[in-house]
Amino acid sequence: MQPFSTAELGRMQGAQDSAMMDTCFVLVYTAGAVNAYNKPTITYPASAATRCGWKPATKELMQDTQVPAWDGSLRMPINTVVKNTDRIRLTHRYGVALSPAQDHEIIGNPERGPSGLVLRLKSLTDGS
């Protein structure tokens, strides 16, 4: 099998970007000055808004001891800078503002495909 050409990758990335109908922010993990307990103060300043595509995980009936590993996955443009220590704030679904916005932590490392990034997310707020 031949690798994708630059033109093929460009078409796939363009199709992926045009199919993202949600809006989110990358909340960038930032360690600040240490406190009295010698622990850094952690903040999550927001990056610029970006297109994304949220897909909630399928919730099936589970036994009492089973816990889902993540609440959904998020597609992002291929050039998005995001690390597994960052968080994601989902602010719009299909162009409609969410109130309140939904904050998520990233589970594992971002997965890079030929047309975009995929993140597994765990909700930090209700409403996922």
Protein backbone atom coordinates (compact mmCIF):
# COMPACT_ATOMS: atom_id res chain seq x y z
CA MET A 1 0.00 0.00 0.00
CA GLN A 2 1.33 3.41 -0.97
CA PRO A 3 1.46 6.27 1.59
CA PHE A 4 -1.03 9.10 1.13
CA SER A 5 0.11 11.90 -1.14
CA THR A 6 0.20 15.48 0.10
CA ALA A 7 -2.87 16.22 -2.03
CA GLU A 8 -4.79 13.25 -0.59
CA LEU A 9 -3.91 14.27 2.97
CA GLY A 10 -5.00 17.83 2.23
CA ARG A 11 -8.37 16.65 0.91
CA MET A 12 -8.95 14.39 3.92
CA GLN A 13 -8.01 17.17 6.35
CA GLY A 14 -10.30 19.63 4.55
CA ALA A 15 -13.22 17.18 4.67
CA GLN A 16 -12.56 16.53 8.37
CA ASP A 17 -12.40 20.25 9.19
CA SER A 18 -15.63 21.02 7.32
CA ALA A 19 -17.47 18.28 9.23
CA MET A 20 -16.62 19.73 12.67
CA MET A 21 -19.75 21.55 13.81
CA ASP A 22 -18.88 22.19 17.45
CA THR A 23 -16.69 24.80 19.15
CA CYS A 24 -14.19 24.24 21.92
CA PHE A 25 -11.19 25.74 23.66
CA VAL A 26 -7.99 24.02 24.72
CA LEU A 27 -7.42 24.87 28.38
CA VAL A 28 -3.63 24.87 28.61
CA TYR A 29 -2.10 23.35 31.76
CA THR A 30 0.08 26.00 33.40
CA ALA A 31 2.03 25.52 36.64
CA GLY A 32 2.62 28.75 38.53
CA ALA A 33 4.35 29.73 41.75
CA VAL A 34 4.45 27.19 44.57
CA ASN A 35 2.15 27.60 47.56
CA ALA A 36 2.87 27.17 51.27
CA TYR A 37 2.80 23.38 50.81
CA ASN A 38 5.43 23.56 48.03
CA LYS A 39 2.83 22.61 45.41
CA PRO A 40 2.56 24.65 42.19
CA THR A 41 -0.57 26.68 41.57
CA ILE A 42 -2.24 25.13 38.53
CA THR A 43 -4.28 27.22 36.10
CA TYR A 44 -5.86 26.43 32.74
CA PRO A 45 -5.95 29.56 30.55
CA ALA A 46 -8.03 29.14 27.39
CA SER A 47 -6.57 29.15 23.90
CA ALA A 48 -8.44 30.64 20.96
CA ALA A 49 -11.73 28.98 19.98
CA THR A 50 -11.39 26.13 17.51
CA ARG A 51 -13.72 23.92 15.52
CA CYS A 52 -14.15 20.43 16.90
CA GLY A 53 -16.45 17.44 16.71
CA TRP A 54 -17.80 15.93 19.95
CA LYS A 55 -19.09 12.36 20.00
CA PRO A 56 -20.52 11.15 23.32
CA ALA A 57 -19.62 7.59 24.30
CA THR A 58 -22.37 5.04 24.07
CA LYS A 59 -23.77 4.45 27.54
CA GLU A 60 -24.74 0.82 27.92
CA LEU A 61 -26.25 -0.94 30.89
CA MET A 62 -23.40 -1.92 33.17
CA GLN A 63 -22.76 -4.04 36.19
CA ASP A 64 -22.19 -2.16 39.45
CA THR A 65 -18.41 -2.57 39.22
CA GLN A 66 -17.96 -1.37 35.64
CA VAL A 67 -17.04 2.26 35.07
CA PRO A 68 -16.65 3.79 31.60
CA ALA A 69 -13.07 4.83 30.82
CA TRP A 70 -14.18 8.02 29.04
CA ASP A 71 -17.33 9.98 28.30
CA GLY A 72 -16.70 10.68 24.63
CA SER A 73 -14.24 11.48 21.90
CA LEU A 74 -13.38 14.77 20.27
CA ARG A 75 -12.05 15.36 16.75
CA MET A 76 -9.83 18.40 16.28
CA PRO A 77 -7.93 19.91 13.34
CA ILE A 78 -4.60 18.23 12.63
CA ASN A 79 -2.56 21.33 13.52
CA THR A 80 -4.10 21.79 16.99
CA VAL A 81 -1.53 22.01 19.76
CA VAL A 82 -2.81 19.94 22.69
CA LYS A 83 -1.20 17.78 25.38
CA ASN A 84 -2.68 15.16 27.67
CA THR A 85 -2.19 17.51 30.65
CA ASP A 86 -4.47 20.12 29.05
CA ARG A 87 -8.25 20.22 29.33
CA ILE A 88 -11.01 20.89 26.81
CA ARG A 89 -13.96 23.26 27.21
CA LEU A 90 -16.85 22.49 24.85
CA THR A 91 -18.89 25.69 24.37
CA HIS A 92 -21.13 25.03 21.33
CA ARG A 93 -22.85 21.93 19.90
CA TYR A 94 -23.97 22.22 16.27
CA GLY A 95 -23.56 26.00 16.54
CA VAL A 96 -25.77 26.31 19.64
CA ALA A 97 -24.19 27.67 22.83
CA LEU A 98 -24.04 25.27 25.78
CA SER A 99 -25.02 26.70 29.12
CA PRO A 100 -23.01 25.91 31.07
CA ALA A 101 -20.00 25.00 28.95
CA GLN A 102 -18.66 21.47 29.48
CA ASP A 103 -15.13 20.94 30.78
CA HIS A 104 -13.28 17.69 30.13
CA GLU A 105 -9.93 16.17 31.00
CA ILE A 106 -7.97 14.32 28.34
CA ILE A 107 -7.56 10.58 28.88
CA GLY A 108 -4.36 9.23 27.34
CA ASN A 109 -2.43 10.92 24.56
CA PRO A 110 -4.00 12.68 21.57
CA GLU A 111 -4.19 10.27 18.63
CA ARG A 112 -3.03 11.62 15.29
CA GLY A 113 -4.74 10.24 12.21
CA PRO A 114 -4.29 11.24 8.57
CA SER A 115 -6.97 13.92 8.75
CA GLY A 116 -7.08 15.13 12.36
CA LEU A 117 -6.54 14.52 16.05
CA VAL A 118 -8.79 12.39 18.23
CA LEU A 119 -8.95 12.88 22.01
CA ARG A 120 -10.69 10.67 24.56
CA LEU A 121 -12.36 12.86 27.19
CA LYS A 122 -13.71 12.43 30.70
CA SER A 123 -16.27 14.99 31.86
CA LEU A 124 -15.42 17.35 34.71
CA THR A 125 -18.87 18.96 34.62
CA ASP A 126 -22.42 17.65 34.43
CA GLY A 127 -24.23 17.54 31.13
CA SER A 128 -21.99 15.41 28.93
